[in-house]
Amino acid sequence: MANCTNCSAPLPANSIKCEYCNSRNDVDLKGVHYYTTHETASPRSCPRCAISLKSIDLKLDGKFLIERCDQCLGLFFDPGELEALLENSVTNVFTIKRTEINNLNQLRAQDYSISYIKCPVCAQLMNRANYGARSGIIVDRCKEHGVWLDGGELRHLCEWMKAGGKLLEQEEKKMAETEQARELRRAQSQTPLGGDQIGYGGGGLFGDPRHHGDPDLLDVVLTAVRFILK
């Protein structure tokens, strides 16, 4: 759990405001403001506060600019940037800690009511989508321009990653693909091929007489032969 940078009291889950001294904490990007340079104000506006976003350089593998609101500390990432930041920030995770993931989500605090907000770029309403498997974070995503995170949500996603959330997502995706493949094989096995059906395929009206292992089919063929020879 993160602590307040002013009084060191524990911060509530996903909150940027200390309950003890009421100071606001830039916990999502702790340490970044000590070495980053603030670029000129972005032409993009915060969908929560309607003020200009500030561009900051995270300096990950060179120049890595994202937008942040100085008032609510929300963050806007261009497509692919959030995933790149999480992968760069959280490494060497080899186990899935399901209890920690569940506890993290139970502590989830909601700072805003459920609503659709506008993309800082195109001003169109963004889609609300769950990030990853059981992350507990519903992000606002514009298909064309990127992802918005409210203050505190990036810290939550980092904790989710540390608890093996990405591994859990990959595991559940693999299980879903395996189940889909199993269902496909089951459906195919229950659907007779053309040559195995009566009245269809290469066997003519009575099917393929070469299937000697099927007594019902053999009876049909013998009955037809007796009928023709009468």
Protein backbone atom coordinates (compact mmCIF):
# COMPACT_ATOMS: atom_id res chain seq x y z
CA MET A 1 0.00 0.00 0.00
CA ALA A 2 1.31 3.47 -0.89
CA ASN A 3 1.88 6.16 1.73
CA CYS A 4 1.20 9.88 1.66
CA THR A 5 4.27 11.83 0.59
CA ASN A 6 3.37 14.57 3.09
CA CYS A 7 2.50 12.74 6.36
CA SER A 8 3.37 9.10 5.48
CA ALA A 9 -0.11 7.86 6.36
CA PRO A 10 -1.40 4.94 4.25
CA LEU A 11 -3.41 6.06 1.27
CA PRO A 12 -6.82 4.50 0.55
CA ALA A 13 -6.90 2.11 -2.39
CA ASN A 14 -6.86 3.97 -5.71
CA SER A 15 -7.21 7.32 -3.99
CA ILE A 16 -4.98 10.34 -4.57
CA LYS A 17 -6.17 12.20 -1.44
CA CYS A 18 -4.79 11.54 2.05
CA GLU A 19 -7.55 11.08 4.64
CA TYR A 20 -5.31 12.44 7.40
CA CYS A 21 -3.73 15.61 6.02
CA ASN A 22 -5.97 16.06 2.93
CA SER A 23 -2.95 16.49 0.63
CA ARG A 24 -3.11 15.20 -2.93
CA ASN A 25 -0.50 12.65 -3.95
CA ASP A 26 0.84 12.06 -7.42
CA VAL A 27 1.22 8.39 -6.54
CA ASP A 28 0.77 7.11 -10.08
CA LEU A 29 4.07 8.56 -11.22
CA LYS A 30 6.06 8.74 -8.00
CA GLY A 31 9.59 9.86 -8.67
CA VAL A 32 8.92 10.85 -12.27
CA HIS A 33 8.44 14.53 -11.46
CA TYR A 34 11.90 14.61 -9.87
CA TYR A 35 13.68 14.08 -13.17
CA THR A 36 11.23 14.64 -16.01
CA THR A 37 10.83 17.82 -17.97
CA HIS A 38 7.37 19.20 -18.46
CA GLU A 39 6.70 19.83 -22.10
CA THR A 40 4.41 22.58 -23.33
CA ALA A 41 0.74 22.23 -22.49
CA SER A 42 -1.03 19.70 -24.66
CA PRO A 43 -3.91 20.84 -26.91
CA ARG A 44 -5.85 17.96 -25.38
CA SER A 45 -8.27 18.66 -22.52
CA CYS A 46 -9.00 16.61 -19.41
CA PRO A 47 -12.34 14.80 -19.81
CA ARG A 48 -12.95 15.21 -16.07
CA CYS A 49 -11.83 18.79 -15.36
CA ALA A 50 -12.04 20.39 -18.83
CA ILE A 51 -8.57 21.97 -18.46
CA SER A 52 -5.54 21.53 -20.69
CA LEU A 53 -3.50 18.41 -20.09
CA LYS A 54 0.24 18.69 -19.44
CA SER A 55 2.68 16.56 -21.42
CA ILE A 56 5.33 14.77 -19.35
CA ASP A 57 8.25 12.71 -20.51
CA LEU A 58 8.69 9.38 -18.69
CA LYS A 59 11.98 8.79 -20.50
CA LEU A 60 11.40 5.09 -21.10
CA ASP A 61 13.77 3.89 -23.83
CA GLY A 62 14.15 7.46 -24.96
CA LYS A 63 11.41 10.04 -25.16
CA PHE A 64 8.07 8.73 -23.87
CA LEU A 65 5.40 11.43 -23.65
CA ILE A 66 2.02 11.02 -22.00
CA GLU A 67 -0.59 13.57 -20.90
CA ARG A 68 -1.58 14.26 -17.31
CA CYS A 69 -4.14 16.53 -15.65
CA ASP A 70 -2.59 18.60 -12.87
CA GLN A 71 -5.91 18.83 -11.06
CA CYS A 72 -7.34 15.27 -10.96
CA LEU A 73 -4.05 13.51 -11.89
CA GLY A 74 -5.79 11.53 -14.62
CA LEU A 75 -3.58 10.17 -17.40
CA PHE A 76 -4.07 9.78 -21.14
CA PHE A 77 -2.06 7.24 -23.13
CA ASP A 78 -1.83 6.95 -26.89
CA PRO A 79 -2.53 3.42 -28.28
CA GLY A 80 0.00 0.92 -26.92
CA GLU A 81 1.60 3.32 -24.44
CA LEU A 82 -0.14 1.99 -21.32
CA GLU A 83 0.88 -1.58 -22.10
CA ALA A 84 4.47 -0.46 -22.77
CA LEU A 85 4.62 1.43 -19.48
CA LEU A 86 3.27 -1.51 -17.45
CA GLU A 87 5.65 -3.96 -19.10
CA ASN A 88 8.57 -1.62 -18.43
CA SER A 89 7.57 -0.84 -14.83
CA VAL A 90 6.76 -4.36 -13.60
CA THR A 91 9.16 -7.19 -14.45
CA ASN A 92 10.25 -10.60 -13.14
CA VAL A 93 6.77 -11.78 -12.18
CA PHE A 94 6.52 -15.57 -12.40
CA THR A 95 3.60 -16.55 -10.15
CA ILE A 96 -0.09 -15.72 -9.92
CA LYS A 97 -1.16 -14.54 -6.47
CA ARG A 98 -4.93 -14.94 -6.75
CA THR A 99 -5.62 -13.94 -3.15
CA GLU A 100 -3.74 -10.66 -3.59
CA ILE A 101 -5.60 -9.95 -6.83
CA ASN A 102 -8.96 -10.60 -5.15
CA ASN A 103 -8.03 -8.47 -2.13
CA LEU A 104 -6.85 -5.67 -4.38
CA ASN A 105 -10.18 -5.60 -6.18
CA GLN A 106 -12.18 -5.71 -2.93
CA LEU A 107 -10.38 -2.55 -1.79
CA ARG A 108 -11.25 -0.79 -5.05
CA ALA A 109 -12.57 2.70 -4.40
CA GLN A 110 -14.75 4.58 -6.87
CA ASP A 111 -13.98 8.29 -7.09
CA TYR A 112 -16.46 8.89 -9.90
CA SER A 113 -19.96 7.69 -10.68
CA ILE A 114 -20.37 5.41 -13.68
CA SER A 115 -20.50 7.62 -16.76
CA TYR A 116 -19.12 7.91 -20.27
CA ILE A 117 -16.47 10.57 -20.85
CA LYS A 118 -15.17 12.16 -24.02
CA CYS A 119 -11.87 11.35 -25.71
CA PRO A 120 -9.34 14.19 -25.19
CA VAL A 121 -8.49 14.03 -28.91
CA CYS A 122 -11.71 13.61 -30.89
CA ALA A 123 -14.25 14.55 -28.18
CA GLN A 124 -16.30 11.43 -28.92
CA LEU A 125 -17.63 9.34 -26.04
CA MET A 126 -15.18 6.58 -25.16
CA ASN A 127 -16.04 2.95 -24.51
CA ARG A 128 -15.79 1.55 -21.01
CA ALA A 129 -13.84 -1.72 -20.96
CA ASN A 130 -12.40 -3.97 -18.27
CA TYR A 131 -8.60 -4.00 -18.42
CA GLY A 132 -7.11 -7.50 -18.41
CA ALA A 133 -8.40 -10.46 -16.42
CA ARG A 134 -9.91 -9.53 -13.06
CA SER A 135 -7.93 -6.31 -12.85
CA GLY A 136 -10.87 -4.48 -11.29
CA ILE A 137 -10.17 -1.43 -13.46
CA ILE A 138 -12.67 -0.22 -16.04
CA VAL A 139 -10.72 2.00 -18.42
CA ASP A 140 -12.12 4.56 -20.83
CA ARG A 141 -10.86 3.69 -24.30
CA CYS A 142 -11.06 5.43 -27.64
CA LYS A 143 -10.38 2.90 -30.38
CA GLU A 144 -8.54 5.44 -32.49
CA HIS A 145 -6.68 7.61 -29.97
CA GLY A 146 -5.95 5.83 -26.70
CA VAL A 147 -6.84 5.14 -23.07
CA TRP A 148 -7.79 7.38 -20.15
CA LEU A 149 -7.01 6.38 -16.54
CA ASP A 150 -8.41 8.26 -13.57
CA GLY A 151 -6.06 9.18 -10.73
CA GLY A 152 -4.97 6.09 -8.79
CA GLU A 153 -5.86 3.57 -11.50
CA LEU A 154 -2.32 3.26 -12.84
CA ARG A 155 -1.07 2.34 -9.36
CA HIS A 156 -3.83 -0.28 -9.12
CA LEU A 157 -2.79 -1.79 -12.46
CA CYS A 158 0.85 -1.90 -11.37
CA GLU A 159 -0.14 -3.76 -8.20
CA TRP A 160 -2.27 -6.10 -10.32
CA MET A 161 0.74 -6.77 -12.55
CA LYS A 162 2.97 -7.46 -9.52
CA ALA A 163 0.42 -9.98 -8.24
CA GLY A 164 0.57 -11.86 -11.54
CA GLY A 165 -2.42 -10.26 -13.21
CA LYS A 166 -0.85 -10.37 -16.66
CA LEU A 167 0.00 -14.05 -16.20
CA LEU A 168 -3.59 -14.69 -15.10
CA GLU A 169 -4.87 -12.92 -18.21
CA GLN A 170 -2.64 -15.07 -20.43
CA GLU A 171 -3.69 -18.23 -18.58
CA GLU A 172 -7.41 -17.51 -18.92
CA LYS A 173 -6.99 -16.60 -22.58
CA LYS A 174 -5.21 -19.90 -23.23
CA MET A 175 -7.93 -21.82 -21.37
CA ALA A 176 -10.62 -20.08 -23.42
CA GLU A 177 -8.83 -20.94 -26.67
CA THR A 178 -8.45 -24.57 -25.56
CA GLU A 179 -12.14 -24.78 -24.71
CA GLN A 180 -13.11 -23.26 -28.06
CA ALA A 181 -10.94 -25.81 -29.86
CA ARG A 182 -12.52 -28.62 -27.82
CA GLU A 183 -16.02 -27.40 -28.66
CA LEU A 184 -15.09 -27.21 -32.35
CA ARG A 185 -13.78 -30.79 -32.36
CA ARG A 186 -16.91 -31.96 -30.55
CA ALA A 187 -19.16 -30.25 -33.08
CA GLN A 188 -17.20 -31.71 -36.00
CA SER A 189 -17.36 -35.22 -34.56
CA GLN A 190 -21.14 -34.97 -34.22
CA THR A 191 -21.65 -33.79 -37.82
CA PRO A 192 -21.71 -36.75 -40.31
CA LEU A 193 -19.60 -36.37 -43.42
CA GLY A 194 -21.29 -36.41 -46.81
CA GLY A 195 -20.26 -40.00 -47.71
CA ASP A 196 -21.53 -41.35 -44.40
CA GLN A 197 -25.12 -40.20 -44.78
CA ILE A 198 -27.99 -42.01 -46.37
CA GLY A 199 -28.90 -40.33 -49.61
CA TYR A 200 -25.81 -38.08 -49.83
CA GLY A 201 -22.20 -38.23 -50.98
CA GLY A 202 -20.28 -40.80 -52.94
CA GLY A 203 -22.35 -43.75 -51.62
CA GLY A 204 -25.46 -42.79 -53.56
CA LEU A 205 -28.93 -43.27 -52.17
CA PHE A 206 -27.94 -45.83 -49.57
CA GLY A 207 -24.54 -44.47 -48.54
CA ASP A 208 -21.15 -46.08 -48.91
CA PRO A 209 -21.31 -49.92 -48.58
CA ARG A 210 -17.59 -49.97 -47.69
CA HIS A 211 -18.45 -49.01 -44.12
CA HIS A 212 -18.77 -52.64 -43.05
CA GLY A 213 -18.34 -51.72 -39.39
CA ASP A 214 -21.80 -50.07 -39.30
CA PRO A 215 -24.48 -52.83 -38.99
CA ASP A 216 -27.37 -50.44 -39.57
CA LEU A 217 -25.90 -49.21 -42.83
CA LEU A 218 -25.18 -52.77 -43.94
CA ASP A 219 -28.79 -53.78 -43.27
CA VAL A 220 -29.99 -50.89 -45.42
CA VAL A 221 -27.74 -51.94 -48.29
CA LEU A 222 -28.78 -55.63 -48.09
CA THR A 223 -32.45 -54.64 -47.98
CA ALA A 224 -31.98 -52.54 -51.11
CA VAL A 225 -30.21 -55.37 -52.95
CA ARG A 226 -32.98 -57.85 -52.09
CA PHE A 227 -35.56 -55.35 -53.33
CA ILE A 228 -33.75 -54.91 -56.66
CA LEU A 229 -33.33 -58.69 -57.18
CA LYS A 230 -37.00 -59.52 -56.62
